[in-house]
Amino acid sequence: MYYVGLDIHQRSTSVEILDCNGKLVKRGEWKLPWPQLADQLKKDAPAPFAVCFEASCGYGFLFEEFSKVAQQVKAAHPGSLRLIYKAKRKNNRVDAGKLARLLYLDAVPSVYVPGRETRLWRQTIEFRQTLLDRLVTLKNQIRASLRERGIAAPKGLWTARGTTWFKTQGESDDAWALRRDLLIEELAELKKKIKRVELQLKSMSSPRPGVALLMTIPGIGPRSAEALAAYIDNANRFSSTRKAGSYFGWDPCQDASADKNRLGHITRDGPATVRKLMVEAAWQGVRRSPTIKAFYDRVTRNDPDRRKIAIVATAHYLTRVAVSMLKSGETWREDPRATKGNGENQGSEQA
């Protein structure tokens, strides 16, 4: 077996090939577009060979291309690589050599690479979130434009009646009216785009039974369920729900030494979109489910200052429940103790 390390960039790729004894066979640089890398690899690398490259934008496409010609392909986790190799000397050739050596030692901190359909599903979810962020920014601009003129915005500003009201403001000021009209046009256009994306998401989610299963959890709607299902993908890849929580970045940062153990903010690893949606779902779940409310109250300890900590813990809890449900195929069920007002239950996590 030969071991190939690739440091891939948009316009150039550094390559290093090691033999079965870890000795250098070939080193070089290719100035090729990504679709041609697999063919070049097949020409230059002796068979059979394994490939390792750093996971970044487009890693799914590269993984599929290399899988056509290599016996084994591994995409390395960029964050873990930085922890393994802390060096002041860093360049493309050196990085390719490091990847080849890690592959030879079977020490690559590899990432999970979902299938093409799942990657497209995730990309569509993220695109919707991008549009929502733009919508929030646009609404803030509209509110700011009203404040500049000392106009108090009515309730329901984003309804059809509110938009009609906004169109009547500042008619005597041509410059402000131009700004107002363009903001209204952009608002309508963004809403149309979001609806189109959501229709696409609906068609992508409907064939997947896991989405409907997750929607049985109180507070989790179609957007939260599809994001969870898309990023979990295969629930069995997590050996425990604790590892699933770590994957989504819910674990607290830890600094333990001797008899001291300091816990800080959550790590925020993994998809931020899922965490945002799960926090929103957790607030809804607290209002709708006695089981979720009991969990939230237990973490809060009747201390208002712990509400933020409690809602993050609740979102973490629901994420782990979701993984358990996808593994078992069971729907959500309330804890009977919670419905009787007992706050000492553990919920319905089927871990």
Protein backbone atom coordinates (compact mmCIF):
# COMPACT_ATOMS: atom_id res chain seq x y z
CA MET A 1 0.00 0.00 0.00
CA TYR A 2 1.20 3.52 -0.87
CA TYR A 3 0.13 6.56 1.12
CA VAL A 4 -0.70 9.87 -0.56
CA GLY A 5 -1.02 13.20 1.25
CA LEU A 6 -2.65 16.07 -0.64
CA ASP A 7 -2.73 19.72 0.39
CA ILE A 8 -5.41 21.01 -1.94
CA HIS A 9 -6.03 24.64 -2.88
CA GLN A 10 -8.07 26.26 -5.61
CA ARG A 11 -5.23 26.65 -8.11
CA SER A 12 -2.54 24.26 -6.89
CA THR A 13 -2.17 20.97 -5.03
CA SER A 14 0.92 19.73 -3.20
CA VAL A 15 1.37 15.96 -3.14
CA GLU A 16 3.61 13.60 -1.20
CA ILE A 17 3.66 9.80 -1.65
CA LEU A 18 5.12 7.32 0.85
CA ASP A 19 5.71 3.59 0.37
CA CYS A 20 4.73 0.76 2.73
CA ASN A 21 7.79 1.50 4.89
CA GLY A 22 7.01 5.21 5.22
CA LYS A 23 9.81 6.27 2.86
CA LEU A 24 9.36 9.10 0.38
CA VAL A 25 8.51 7.93 -3.14
CA LYS A 26 7.45 11.15 -4.82
CA ARG A 27 6.83 14.79 -4.00
CA GLY A 28 5.50 17.50 -6.25
CA GLU A 29 2.92 20.12 -7.09
CA TRP A 30 0.01 20.01 -9.52
CA LYS A 31 -1.56 23.10 -11.01
CA LEU A 32 -4.80 21.47 -12.03
CA PRO A 33 -8.51 22.12 -11.51
CA TRP A 34 -10.23 19.84 -9.03
CA PRO A 35 -12.04 17.62 -11.58
CA GLN A 36 -8.64 16.57 -12.99
CA LEU A 37 -6.98 15.68 -9.67
CA ALA A 38 -8.28 12.11 -9.53
CA ASP A 39 -6.98 11.30 -13.03
CA GLN A 40 -3.58 12.79 -12.23
CA LEU A 41 -3.48 10.85 -8.99
CA LYS A 42 -4.16 7.63 -10.85
CA LYS A 43 -1.23 8.34 -13.18
CA ASP A 44 1.34 9.38 -10.55
CA ALA A 45 0.56 7.15 -7.54
CA PRO A 46 1.59 3.46 -7.63
CA ALA A 47 -1.31 1.10 -7.00
CA PRO A 48 -2.77 0.28 -4.57
CA PHE A 49 -2.81 3.57 -2.69
CA ALA A 50 -4.70 5.45 0.02
CA VAL A 51 -5.39 9.20 0.00
CA CYS A 52 -5.65 11.77 2.78
CA PHE A 53 -6.61 15.41 2.38
CA GLU A 54 -7.86 18.16 4.69
CA ALA A 55 -11.63 18.58 4.83
CA SER A 56 -12.68 22.07 3.73
CA CYS A 57 -15.14 23.60 1.29
CA GLY A 58 -15.89 21.02 -1.40
CA TYR A 59 -14.53 18.07 0.55
CA GLY A 60 -17.53 15.91 -0.38
CA PHE A 61 -16.88 16.32 -4.10
CA LEU A 62 -13.18 15.51 -3.65
CA PHE A 63 -13.98 12.48 -1.49
CA GLU A 64 -16.22 11.04 -4.21
CA GLU A 65 -13.68 11.74 -6.97
CA PHE A 66 -10.77 10.16 -5.09
CA SER A 67 -12.90 7.16 -4.10
CA LYS A 68 -13.10 6.24 -7.78
CA VAL A 69 -9.33 5.64 -8.04
CA ALA A 70 -8.04 5.06 -4.48
CA GLN A 71 -8.43 2.00 -2.29
CA GLN A 72 -9.00 4.18 0.77
CA VAL A 73 -9.83 7.88 1.19
CA LYS A 74 -9.78 9.89 4.41
CA ALA A 75 -10.78 13.52 4.91
CA ALA A 76 -8.91 14.94 7.91
CA HIS A 77 -10.57 17.23 10.46
CA PRO A 78 -8.85 20.66 10.16
CA GLY A 79 -9.26 21.55 13.85
CA SER A 80 -7.79 18.26 15.03
CA LEU A 81 -4.88 18.61 12.61
CA ARG A 82 -3.96 21.95 14.17
CA LEU A 83 -3.85 20.30 17.57
CA ILE A 84 -1.66 17.44 16.31
CA TYR A 85 0.75 19.63 14.36
CA LYS A 86 1.63 22.85 16.10
CA ALA A 87 4.56 24.20 14.12
CA LYS A 88 5.89 27.59 13.14
CA ARG A 89 7.01 26.21 9.81
CA LYS A 90 4.00 25.73 7.59
CA ASN A 91 3.64 25.57 3.83
CA ASN A 92 1.81 23.47 1.27
CA ARG A 93 4.61 20.93 0.79
CA VAL A 94 5.06 20.46 4.53
CA ASP A 95 1.32 20.04 5.04
CA ALA A 96 1.11 17.38 2.31
CA GLY A 97 3.93 15.49 4.00
CA LYS A 98 2.18 15.64 7.38
CA LEU A 99 -1.03 14.26 5.90
CA ALA A 100 0.86 11.41 4.21
CA ARG A 101 2.62 10.49 7.46
CA LEU A 102 -0.61 10.56 9.46
CA LEU A 103 -2.19 8.28 6.86
CA TYR A 104 0.79 5.90 7.04
CA LEU A 105 0.53 5.79 10.85
CA ASP A 106 -3.25 5.28 10.65
CA ALA A 107 -3.66 8.35 12.88
CA VAL A 108 -5.82 10.57 10.68
CA PRO A 109 -8.54 12.42 12.67
CA SER A 110 -11.06 11.80 9.91
CA VAL A 111 -14.48 13.42 9.48
CA TYR A 112 -17.76 11.82 8.48
CA VAL A 113 -18.54 12.37 4.80
CA PRO A 114 -22.28 12.12 4.00
CA GLY A 115 -23.64 11.10 0.62
CA ARG A 116 -24.28 13.56 -2.19
CA GLU A 117 -28.04 13.87 -1.56
CA THR A 118 -27.48 14.59 2.13
CA ARG A 119 -24.84 17.19 1.31
CA LEU A 120 -27.27 18.93 -1.06
CA TRP A 121 -29.93 18.78 1.65
CA ARG A 122 -27.57 20.40 4.16
CA GLN A 123 -26.56 23.07 1.66
CA THR A 124 -30.20 23.95 1.04
CA ILE A 125 -30.81 24.23 4.80
CA GLU A 126 -27.83 26.54 5.16
CA PHE A 127 -28.94 28.61 2.17
CA ARG A 128 -32.33 29.15 3.79
CA GLN A 129 -30.57 30.29 6.96
CA THR A 130 -28.49 32.74 4.91
CA LEU A 131 -31.67 34.20 3.41
CA LEU A 132 -33.22 34.47 6.89
CA ASP A 133 -30.16 36.37 8.12
CA ARG A 134 -30.54 38.78 5.21
CA LEU A 135 -34.22 39.18 6.07
CA VAL A 136 -33.40 40.06 9.68
CA THR A 137 -30.83 42.63 8.50
CA LEU A 138 -33.39 44.14 6.10
CA LYS A 139 -36.06 44.41 8.80
CA ASN A 140 -33.57 46.17 11.06
CA GLN A 141 -32.85 48.64 8.26
CA ILE A 142 -36.58 49.36 7.88
CA ARG A 143 -36.97 49.92 11.62
CA ALA A 144 -33.92 52.20 11.61
CA SER A 145 -35.31 54.24 8.70
CA LEU A 146 -38.50 54.83 10.66
CA ARG A 147 -36.64 55.82 13.81
CA GLU A 148 -34.60 58.34 11.82
CA ARG A 149 -37.82 60.20 11.04
CA GLY A 150 -39.26 59.77 14.53
CA ILE A 151 -42.00 57.44 13.28
CA ALA A 152 -43.24 54.76 15.67
CA ALA A 153 -43.75 51.45 13.89
CA PRO A 154 -47.13 49.81 14.55
CA LYS A 155 -47.57 46.23 15.65
CA GLY A 156 -47.69 43.79 12.75
CA LEU A 157 -45.28 45.80 10.64
CA TRP A 158 -44.36 42.70 8.62
CA THR A 159 -47.93 41.78 7.75
CA ALA A 160 -49.62 42.90 4.51
CA ARG A 161 -51.38 45.70 6.41
CA GLY A 162 -48.08 46.82 7.97
CA THR A 163 -46.36 46.90 4.58
CA THR A 164 -49.22 48.96 3.15
CA TRP A 165 -48.84 51.41 6.02
CA PHE A 166 -45.08 51.67 5.47
CA LYS A 167 -45.62 52.56 1.80
CA THR A 168 -47.53 55.70 2.84
CA GLN A 169 -44.73 57.07 5.00
CA GLY A 170 -42.43 59.87 3.82
CA GLU A 171 -44.18 60.56 0.50
CA SER A 172 -43.03 64.19 0.44
CA ASP A 173 -39.37 63.25 0.67
CA ASP A 174 -38.18 61.82 -2.65
CA ALA A 175 -34.86 60.51 -1.34
CA TRP A 176 -36.45 58.77 1.64
CA ALA A 177 -39.32 57.48 -0.52
CA LEU A 178 -36.80 55.91 -2.91
CA ARG A 179 -35.08 54.16 -0.01
CA ARG A 180 -38.46 53.04 1.36
CA ASP A 181 -39.61 51.59 -1.96
CA LEU A 182 -36.38 49.69 -2.53
CA LEU A 183 -36.53 48.25 0.99
CA ILE A 184 -40.13 47.11 0.40
CA GLU A 185 -39.18 45.52 -2.92
CA GLU A 186 -36.24 43.72 -1.37
CA LEU A 187 -38.42 42.52 1.51
CA ALA A 188 -40.99 41.04 -0.87
CA GLU A 189 -38.26 39.44 -2.99
CA LEU A 190 -36.57 37.84 0.01
CA LYS A 191 -39.87 36.40 1.25
CA LYS A 192 -40.47 34.84 -2.18
CA LYS A 193 -37.01 33.31 -2.19
CA ILE A 194 -37.47 31.84 1.28
CA LYS A 195 -40.78 30.29 0.24
CA ARG A 196 -39.13 28.72 -2.81
CA VAL A 197 -36.35 27.27 -0.68
CA GLU A 198 -38.84 25.93 1.87
CA LEU A 199 -40.81 24.24 -0.89
CA GLN A 200 -37.61 22.58 -2.06
CA LEU A 201 -36.80 21.53 1.50
CA LYS A 202 -40.26 20.04 1.85
CA SER A 203 -39.77 17.91 -1.25
CA MET A 204 -36.35 16.79 0.02
CA SER A 205 -37.61 15.98 3.52
CA SER A 206 -40.91 14.26 2.76
CA PRO A 207 -39.38 10.92 1.63
CA ARG A 208 -37.35 10.68 4.85
CA PRO A 209 -39.25 9.06 7.74
CA GLY A 210 -36.80 10.41 10.29
CA VAL A 211 -38.11 13.94 9.82
CA ALA A 212 -41.69 12.96 10.65
CA LEU A 213 -40.42 10.96 13.63
CA LEU A 214 -38.53 13.93 15.07
CA MET A 215 -41.55 16.18 14.65
CA THR A 216 -43.31 14.15 17.34
CA ILE A 217 -41.02 15.90 19.85
CA PRO A 218 -42.96 18.88 21.30
CA GLY A 219 -41.55 22.15 19.98
CA ILE A 220 -39.72 20.67 16.99
CA GLY A 221 -41.25 21.76 13.69
CA PRO A 222 -40.35 20.85 10.10
CA ARG A 223 -37.34 23.17 9.88
CA SER A 224 -35.76 21.95 13.13
CA ALA A 225 -36.54 18.31 12.31
CA GLU A 226 -35.04 18.43 8.84
CA ALA A 227 -31.88 20.17 10.09
CA LEU A 228 -31.42 17.56 12.82
CA ALA A 229 -32.08 14.67 10.44
CA ALA A 230 -29.75 16.07 7.77
CA TYR A 231 -26.80 16.58 10.10
CA ILE A 232 -27.31 13.39 12.09
CA ASP A 233 -27.77 11.50 8.79
CA ASN A 234 -26.90 8.07 10.17
CA ALA A 235 -27.68 7.93 13.90
CA ASN A 236 -25.75 4.68 14.29
CA ARG A 237 -22.48 6.47 13.59
CA PHE A 238 -22.72 7.82 17.15
CA SER A 239 -21.80 5.13 19.67
CA SER A 240 -23.56 7.15 22.38
CA THR A 241 -25.84 10.14 22.64
CA ARG A 242 -23.07 11.92 24.55
CA LYS A 243 -20.90 11.82 21.43
CA ALA A 244 -23.79 13.20 19.41
CA GLY A 245 -24.04 16.13 21.82
CA SER A 246 -20.32 16.74 21.41
CA TYR A 247 -20.65 16.62 17.60
CA PHE A 248 -23.22 19.43 17.70
CA GLY A 249 -21.06 21.54 20.03
CA TRP A 250 -23.24 21.33 23.15
CA ASP A 251 -20.46 20.14 25.48
CA PRO A 252 -18.98 22.78 27.81
CA CYS A 253 -15.34 23.76 27.53
CA GLN A 254 -13.39 22.13 30.35
CA ASP A 255 -10.23 23.06 32.23
CA ALA A 256 -9.49 20.38 34.81
CA SER A 257 -6.34 20.16 36.86
CA ALA A 258 -5.76 18.23 40.09
CA ASP A 259 -8.85 18.71 42.24
CA LYS A 260 -10.17 21.69 40.25
CA ASN A 261 -12.62 21.32 37.39
CA ARG A 262 -13.73 24.46 35.56
CA LEU A 263 -16.52 24.32 33.00
CA GLY A 264 -17.07 27.21 30.60
CA HIS A 265 -19.22 28.01 27.59
CA ILE A 266 -20.24 25.31 25.14
CA THR A 267 -17.63 24.44 22.51
CA ARG A 268 -19.86 25.52 19.59
CA ASP A 269 -18.35 22.85 17.36
CA GLY A 270 -20.42 21.50 14.50
CA PRO A 271 -23.32 23.14 12.64
CA ALA A 272 -24.38 26.47 14.17
CA THR A 273 -27.68 26.40 12.28
CA VAL A 274 -28.79 23.27 14.14
CA ARG A 275 -27.91 24.78 17.51
CA LYS A 276 -29.88 27.93 16.71
CA LEU A 277 -32.94 25.96 15.62
CA MET A 278 -32.73 23.64 18.61
CA VAL A 279 -32.64 26.54 21.08
CA GLU A 280 -35.81 27.91 19.46
CA ALA A 281 -37.36 24.43 19.60
CA ALA A 282 -36.38 24.10 23.27
CA TRP A 283 -38.30 27.26 24.20
CA GLN A 284 -41.36 25.88 22.41
CA GLY A 285 -40.92 22.51 24.07
CA VAL A 286 -40.78 24.07 27.53
CA ARG A 287 -44.19 25.66 26.86
CA ARG A 288 -45.80 22.53 25.39
CA SER A 289 -44.36 19.51 27.16
CA PRO A 290 -44.46 18.68 30.90
CA THR A 291 -41.41 16.43 30.44
CA ILE A 292 -39.31 19.14 28.80
CA LYS A 293 -40.59 21.74 31.28
CA ALA A 294 -39.56 19.50 34.19
CA PHE A 295 -36.06 19.12 32.75
CA TYR A 296 -35.76 22.88 32.21
CA ASP A 297 -36.96 23.64 35.76
CA ARG A 298 -34.53 21.16 37.27
CA VAL A 299 -31.59 22.89 35.56
CA THR A 300 -32.90 26.37 36.39
CA ARG A 301 -33.13 25.59 40.14
CA ASN A 302 -35.59 28.45 40.56
CA ASP A 303 -32.76 30.87 39.72
CA PRO A 304 -33.68 33.40 36.97
CA ASP A 305 -29.98 33.90 36.20
CA ARG A 306 -29.75 30.27 35.09
CA ARG A 307 -32.41 30.50 32.38
CA LYS A 308 -29.92 30.77 29.53
CA ILE A 309 -27.91 27.85 30.90
CA ALA A 310 -31.10 25.85 31.28
CA ILE A 311 -32.38 26.47 27.75
CA VAL A 312 -29.02 25.45 26.24
CA ALA A 313 -29.05 22.31 28.40
CA THR A 314 -32.60 21.61 27.25
CA ALA A 315 -31.60 21.99 23.59
CA HIS A 316 -28.70 19.60 24.26
CA TYR A 317 -31.11 17.16 25.90
CA LEU A 318 -33.52 17.29 22.94
CA THR A 319 -30.66 16.70 20.51
CA ARG A 320 -29.65 13.56 22.36
CA VAL A 321 -33.27 12.42 22.52
CA ALA A 322 -33.51 12.91 18.75
CA VAL A 323 -30.51 10.66 18.14
CA SER A 324 -31.98 7.99 20.43
CA MET A 325 -35.32 8.16 18.61
CA LEU A 326 -33.69 7.80 15.20
CA LYS A 327 -31.79 4.76 16.46
CA SER A 328 -34.81 3.06 17.98
CA GLY A 329 -37.53 4.29 15.63
CA GLU A 330 -39.75 5.15 18.61
CA THR A 331 -41.84 8.31 18.73
CA TRP A 332 -41.73 10.83 21.56
CA ARG A 333 -43.56 9.91 24.74
CA GLU A 334 -44.14 11.98 27.82
CA ASP A 335 -42.82 10.85 31.19
CA PRO A 336 -45.84 10.01 33.39
CA ARG A 337 -44.08 11.48 36.42
CA ALA A 338 -43.77 14.84 34.69
CA THR A 339 -47.46 14.97 33.84
CA LYS A 340 -48.19 14.50 37.56
CA GLY A 341 -46.07 17.52 38.43
CA ASN A 342 -42.97 15.67 39.62
CA GLY A 343 -39.93 17.66 38.45
CA GLU A 344 -37.44 14.93 39.39
CA ASN A 345 -37.86 12.89 36.21
CA GLN A 346 -35.31 12.31 33.55
CA GLY A 347 -37.62 12.78 30.56
CA SER A 348 -38.08 10.25 27.83
CA GLU A 349 -34.55 9.92 26.53
CA GLN A 350 -34.16 6.44 25.15
CA ALA A 351 -30.39 6.31 25.32
